[in-house]
Amino acid sequence: MRRVYASPGFWLAILSLALIALAAVWISNAQTEADRVAAVALAHAGVTANAGWQPFTTRNYDVQMALVPAGCFRMGSTPEQLAFAQASCDKYFNIYGCKVSFEDETPAHEVCFDQPFWIDVTEVTNDAYGGAYEGENWRSRRWPRETVTWAEAAAHCAGRGARLPTEAEWEYAARGPDSLIYPWGDEFIRENVLWFSLVLQPSGSFPDGASWVGALDMSGSAAEWVDGWYAPYSLGSSAAGDERVTRGGDWFAHASYELRSASRFARDPEFASTAVGFRCAADVDAP
């Protein structure tokens, strides 16, 4: 058998290409880190309007996360926003009249964050969550992980060095300093959200519904567990209670009032449903 030997020039060319590739990766990583440092500095400076922030996302804990800058917003619903919700509810129930109370969204009150934080760009997927995919649930690796209790959601976030967002953090990431009714604005756009559906879709399927920080699916898709105990705003926060909270509405929602960013849903912590998932958050200076 005839043997063919590569010339020294051939191997030198291969080595040169490898070194160029390594250098490109190093430069790219350096640029990415420089961008991250600059974005974090801006996030610490804070914003006073949604338009004052350019979305910045990066991989933390091997998951794409959006940076949420320091700032203030109006949590809950103003009388005008309640009238908007009431009109949607009346339209849905038609001649029977709205059967929903929005009192737990009042009073609207200012909440400020003096430190930025990270929040997942999408709801935690089956692929990120891991574990078995069997039965009727978890039929796609890219779908949001659903049918999880509050404790299971919290444990997953803690396991990757993160946590569930507080209710205020979640709402701020969805609405921003402008305190929008929906993540994308003050008018309902049905094409921006997964709702009134018989099946889930892969996470991040509705990019036009992104919030001001670049977080996806904060309206519709799967409702999301948040940290803290449920209590009416008029009673203040509670250190303990019987019910947790989900936010964002879900893919089975039948009316737009359920999909507003101020909507709150009290749930038993052991509640698990194909309509409920979660996303994680983290302190901005965490490694």
Protein backbone atom coordinates (compact mmCIF):
# COMPACT_ATOMS: atom_id res chain seq x y z
CA MET A 1 0.00 0.00 0.00
CA ARG A 2 1.31 3.35 -0.96
CA ARG A 3 1.64 5.80 1.90
CA VAL A 4 1.02 9.50 1.43
CA TYR A 5 2.79 11.93 3.72
CA ALA A 6 1.68 15.51 4.24
CA SER A 7 4.36 18.12 3.79
CA PRO A 8 5.51 20.32 6.68
CA GLY A 9 3.82 23.23 4.93
CA PHE A 10 0.47 21.45 5.12
CA TRP A 11 0.71 20.94 8.89
CA LEU A 12 1.91 24.53 9.35
CA ALA A 13 -1.19 25.74 7.50
CA ILE A 14 -3.44 23.58 9.71
CA LEU A 15 -1.73 24.91 12.84
CA SER A 16 -2.14 28.49 11.61
CA LEU A 17 -5.87 27.99 11.00
CA ALA A 18 -6.29 26.52 14.46
CA LEU A 19 -4.50 29.44 16.07
CA ILE A 20 -6.64 31.90 14.10
CA ALA A 21 -9.81 30.12 15.27
CA LEU A 22 -8.66 30.20 18.89
CA ALA A 23 -7.81 33.88 18.60
CA ALA A 24 -11.25 34.62 17.16
CA VAL A 25 -12.92 32.83 20.08
CA TRP A 26 -10.75 34.72 22.59
CA ILE A 27 -11.55 38.08 20.95
CA SER A 28 -15.26 37.23 20.84
CA ASN A 29 -15.25 36.26 24.52
CA ALA A 30 -13.38 39.43 25.44
CA GLN A 31 -15.87 41.56 23.51
CA THR A 32 -18.79 39.73 25.13
CA GLU A 33 -17.38 40.32 28.60
CA ALA A 34 -16.74 43.98 27.81
CA ASP A 35 -20.34 44.35 26.60
CA ARG A 36 -21.56 42.69 29.78
CA VAL A 37 -19.53 45.00 32.02
CA ALA A 38 -20.81 48.06 30.16
CA ALA A 39 -24.44 46.88 30.32
CA VAL A 40 -24.23 46.14 34.04
CA ALA A 41 -22.81 49.62 34.68
CA LEU A 42 -25.74 51.17 32.82
CA ALA A 43 -28.16 48.92 34.70
CA HIS A 44 -26.79 50.13 38.02
CA ALA A 45 -27.26 53.74 36.88
CA GLY A 46 -30.96 52.98 36.37
CA VAL A 47 -33.66 54.25 34.04
CA THR A 48 -36.81 56.35 34.32
CA ALA A 49 -38.58 55.21 31.14
CA ASN A 50 -38.80 52.02 29.09
CA ALA A 51 -37.28 53.78 26.08
CA GLY A 52 -34.18 54.55 28.16
CA TRP A 53 -33.12 50.91 28.14
CA GLN A 54 -31.66 48.81 25.33
CA PRO A 55 -32.33 45.12 26.02
CA PHE A 56 -29.22 43.15 26.94
CA THR A 57 -29.25 39.37 27.23
CA THR A 58 -26.45 36.93 27.95
CA ARG A 59 -25.96 33.39 29.21
CA ASN A 60 -25.93 32.94 32.97
CA TYR A 61 -25.98 29.49 34.55
CA ASP A 62 -26.07 28.17 30.96
CA VAL A 63 -29.44 29.90 30.40
CA GLN A 64 -30.15 33.05 28.42
CA MET A 65 -31.10 35.82 30.86
CA ALA A 66 -32.17 39.43 30.39
CA LEU A 67 -30.72 42.27 32.42
CA VAL A 68 -33.29 44.39 34.29
CA PRO A 69 -31.96 47.83 35.25
CA ALA A 70 -32.59 49.68 38.49
CA GLY A 71 -35.61 51.95 38.48
CA CYS A 72 -39.16 52.52 39.70
CA PHE A 73 -42.60 51.59 38.40
CA ARG A 74 -46.21 51.69 39.43
CA MET A 75 -47.24 48.21 40.60
CA GLY A 76 -50.88 47.25 40.35
CA SER A 77 -53.63 48.96 38.39
CA THR A 78 -54.74 52.58 38.33
CA PRO A 79 -58.48 53.41 38.08
CA GLU A 80 -58.03 53.88 34.32
CA GLN A 81 -56.31 50.51 33.95
CA LEU A 82 -59.01 48.85 36.07
CA ALA A 83 -61.65 50.31 33.77
CA PHE A 84 -59.76 48.78 30.83
CA ALA A 85 -59.76 45.38 32.55
CA GLN A 86 -63.42 45.72 33.48
CA ALA A 87 -64.37 46.46 29.88
CA SER A 88 -62.54 43.36 28.66
CA CYS A 89 -64.18 41.25 31.35
CA ASP A 90 -67.67 42.63 30.59
CA LYS A 91 -67.16 41.87 26.91
CA TYR A 92 -66.18 38.30 27.71
CA PHE A 93 -69.10 37.56 30.06
CA ASN A 94 -71.48 39.50 27.81
CA ILE A 95 -75.04 39.71 29.16
CA TYR A 96 -74.06 37.88 32.36
CA GLY A 97 -71.74 40.68 33.48
CA CYS A 98 -68.14 40.43 34.69
CA LYS A 99 -67.70 37.86 37.47
CA VAL A 100 -64.12 38.82 38.33
CA SER A 101 -62.84 41.10 41.08
CA PHE A 102 -59.72 43.16 40.44
CA GLU A 103 -59.45 44.52 43.96
CA ASP A 104 -56.22 42.63 44.67
CA GLU A 105 -54.52 44.82 42.04
CA THR A 106 -55.21 47.93 44.11
CA PRO A 107 -54.06 50.32 45.26
CA ALA A 108 -51.52 51.05 42.56
CA HIS A 109 -48.27 51.90 44.34
CA GLU A 110 -44.70 52.81 43.48
CA VAL A 111 -42.02 50.16 43.82
CA CYS A 112 -38.34 50.98 43.31
CA PHE A 113 -35.31 48.79 42.72
CA ASP A 114 -31.96 50.28 43.64
CA GLN A 115 -30.15 47.23 42.28
CA PRO A 116 -30.56 45.59 38.85
CA PHE A 117 -31.24 41.88 38.48
CA TRP A 118 -31.36 39.13 35.87
CA ILE A 119 -34.47 37.31 34.69
CA ASP A 120 -34.78 34.38 32.29
CA VAL A 121 -35.56 35.38 28.72
CA THR A 122 -38.03 32.50 28.47
CA GLU A 123 -39.86 30.24 30.83
CA VAL A 124 -37.80 27.25 31.96
CA THR A 125 -38.08 24.61 29.24
CA ASN A 126 -38.30 20.85 29.56
CA ASP A 127 -34.77 20.64 28.19
CA ALA A 128 -33.41 23.00 30.86
CA TYR A 129 -35.41 21.37 33.64
CA GLY A 130 -34.32 17.82 32.78
CA GLY A 131 -35.94 14.61 33.93
CA ALA A 132 -38.32 12.25 32.21
CA TYR A 133 -40.66 13.15 29.37
CA GLU A 134 -43.63 10.82 29.66
CA GLY A 135 -47.40 10.71 29.79
CA GLU A 136 -49.45 13.60 28.51
CA ASN A 137 -47.09 16.28 29.79
CA TRP A 138 -43.67 17.47 28.69
CA ARG A 139 -44.13 16.46 25.07
CA SER A 140 -41.47 18.75 23.63
CA ARG A 141 -38.03 19.63 24.93
CA ARG A 142 -38.55 23.28 23.90
CA TRP A 143 -41.92 23.67 25.58
CA PRO A 144 -42.18 25.41 28.95
CA ARG A 145 -41.87 23.00 31.85
CA GLU A 146 -45.33 22.82 33.37
CA THR A 147 -47.14 20.69 35.94
CA VAL A 148 -44.70 21.79 38.65
CA THR A 149 -45.57 22.88 42.18
CA TRP A 150 -44.24 26.09 43.68
CA ALA A 151 -41.64 24.16 45.70
CA GLU A 152 -40.44 22.25 42.63
CA ALA A 153 -40.04 25.49 40.70
CA ALA A 154 -38.17 27.15 43.56
CA ALA A 155 -35.91 24.10 43.96
CA HIS A 156 -34.97 24.09 40.28
CA CYS A 157 -34.00 27.77 40.37
CA ALA A 158 -31.97 27.28 43.56
CA GLY A 159 -30.26 24.25 42.01
CA ARG A 160 -28.74 26.39 39.30
CA GLY A 161 -27.75 29.19 41.70
CA ALA A 162 -30.76 31.40 40.95
CA ARG A 163 -34.21 31.94 42.54
CA LEU A 164 -37.81 32.63 41.66
CA PRO A 165 -38.42 36.33 40.96
CA THR A 166 -40.45 38.21 43.53
CA GLU A 167 -43.88 39.32 42.44
CA ALA A 168 -42.64 42.91 42.14
CA GLU A 169 -39.55 41.88 40.14
CA TRP A 170 -41.69 39.88 37.75
CA GLU A 171 -44.12 42.74 37.18
CA TYR A 172 -41.33 45.30 36.75
CA ALA A 173 -39.61 43.09 34.16
CA ALA A 174 -42.92 42.82 32.32
CA ARG A 175 -44.10 46.46 32.52
CA GLY A 176 -41.10 48.71 33.15
CA PRO A 177 -41.10 52.31 34.42
CA ASP A 178 -43.92 53.08 31.95
CA SER A 179 -46.13 50.58 33.84
CA LEU A 180 -47.60 49.22 30.61
CA ILE A 181 -50.75 47.12 30.65
CA TYR A 182 -49.12 44.37 28.54
CA PRO A 183 -45.42 43.63 28.07
CA TRP A 184 -45.48 45.23 24.60
CA GLY A 185 -47.77 48.21 25.27
CA ASP A 186 -51.21 49.34 26.42
CA GLU A 187 -53.30 47.71 23.70
CA PHE A 188 -53.96 44.01 23.37
CA ILE A 189 -52.41 42.46 20.24
CA ARG A 190 -53.57 38.88 19.88
CA GLU A 191 -50.67 37.92 17.57
CA ASN A 192 -48.17 38.75 20.34
CA VAL A 193 -49.27 36.03 22.75
CA LEU A 194 -50.19 32.37 23.03
CA TRP A 195 -53.75 32.31 24.39
CA PHE A 196 -57.14 30.70 23.82
CA SER A 197 -55.25 27.64 22.62
CA LEU A 198 -55.57 23.88 23.01
CA VAL A 199 -51.84 23.24 23.09
CA LEU A 200 -48.60 24.85 24.20
CA GLN A 201 -45.90 25.99 21.80
CA PRO A 202 -42.11 26.19 22.10
CA SER A 203 -40.83 28.89 24.44
CA GLY A 204 -40.03 32.16 22.71
CA SER A 205 -42.41 31.62 19.79
CA PHE A 206 -43.82 35.16 20.01
CA PRO A 207 -40.89 37.62 19.76
CA ASP A 208 -43.19 40.58 19.06
CA GLY A 209 -44.60 40.13 22.56
CA ALA A 210 -41.23 40.79 24.23
CA SER A 211 -41.13 43.06 27.25
CA TRP A 212 -38.98 46.20 27.45
CA VAL A 213 -36.02 44.13 28.75
CA GLY A 214 -36.34 41.43 26.10
CA ALA A 215 -38.15 38.83 28.23
CA LEU A 216 -40.49 36.62 26.19
CA ASP A 217 -43.83 34.97 26.98
CA MET A 218 -44.58 37.11 30.03
CA SER A 219 -48.16 37.18 28.77
CA GLY A 220 -49.85 33.91 27.93
CA SER A 221 -47.96 30.65 27.28
CA ALA A 222 -47.61 29.19 30.81
CA ALA A 223 -48.56 31.13 33.92
CA GLU A 224 -45.52 31.58 36.16
CA TRP A 225 -44.86 30.95 39.84
CA VAL A 226 -43.27 33.87 41.69
CA ASP A 227 -41.74 34.16 45.14
CA GLY A 228 -43.74 35.43 48.10
CA TRP A 229 -47.15 34.78 49.64
CA TYR A 230 -50.41 36.04 48.20
CA ALA A 231 -51.97 39.02 49.97
CA PRO A 232 -54.04 42.03 48.81
CA TYR A 233 -51.83 45.08 48.31
CA SER A 234 -53.98 46.95 50.81
CA LEU A 235 -52.72 44.58 53.52
CA GLY A 236 -49.05 44.84 52.57
CA SER A 237 -46.64 41.96 52.08
CA SER A 238 -46.98 38.82 54.14
CA ALA A 239 -44.19 36.74 55.69
CA ALA A 240 -46.37 33.63 55.55
CA GLY A 241 -49.69 32.51 54.18
CA ASP A 242 -51.68 29.74 52.56
CA GLU A 243 -51.42 30.70 48.90
CA ARG A 244 -48.67 31.55 46.44
CA VAL A 245 -49.06 33.59 43.25
CA THR A 246 -48.83 32.93 39.52
CA ARG A 247 -48.44 35.71 36.98
CA GLY A 248 -48.88 36.30 33.26
CA GLY A 249 -52.05 34.42 32.39
CA ASP A 250 -51.68 31.23 30.36
CA TRP A 251 -52.22 29.53 27.02
CA PHE A 252 -55.77 28.56 28.02
CA ALA A 253 -56.85 32.15 28.81
CA HIS A 254 -60.09 33.10 27.10
CA ALA A 255 -60.02 36.90 27.48
CA SER A 256 -57.42 39.65 27.32
CA TYR A 257 -58.02 40.87 30.90
CA GLU A 258 -56.42 37.63 32.13
CA LEU A 259 -53.24 38.38 30.18
CA ARG A 260 -52.47 41.81 31.63
CA SER A 261 -49.14 42.19 33.46
CA ALA A 262 -50.90 43.37 36.64
CA SER A 263 -53.14 40.29 36.84
CA ARG A 264 -52.63 38.13 39.93
CA PHE A 265 -53.76 34.56 40.55
CA ALA A 266 -53.72 33.04 44.03
CA ARG A 267 -52.77 29.34 44.02
CA ASP A 268 -52.28 26.56 46.51
CA PRO A 269 -48.49 25.93 46.60
CA GLU A 270 -49.16 22.28 45.74
CA PHE A 271 -51.17 23.23 42.66
CA ALA A 272 -49.71 21.72 39.48
CA SER A 273 -51.23 22.23 36.06
CA THR A 274 -50.31 22.05 32.39
CA ALA A 275 -51.04 25.79 32.38
CA VAL A 276 -48.44 26.71 35.04
CA GLY A 277 -44.66 26.93 34.66
CA PHE A 278 -41.98 29.37 35.85
CA ARG A 279 -38.83 31.33 35.10
CA CYS A 280 -35.87 32.16 37.33
CA ALA A 281 -34.15 35.37 38.42
CA ALA A 282 -30.78 36.19 39.94
CA ASP A 283 -28.96 39.08 41.58
CA VAL A 284 -26.95 40.95 38.99
CA ASP A 285 -23.62 40.63 40.77
CA ALA A 286 -23.97 36.88 41.33
CA PRO A 287 -21.28 34.86 39.53
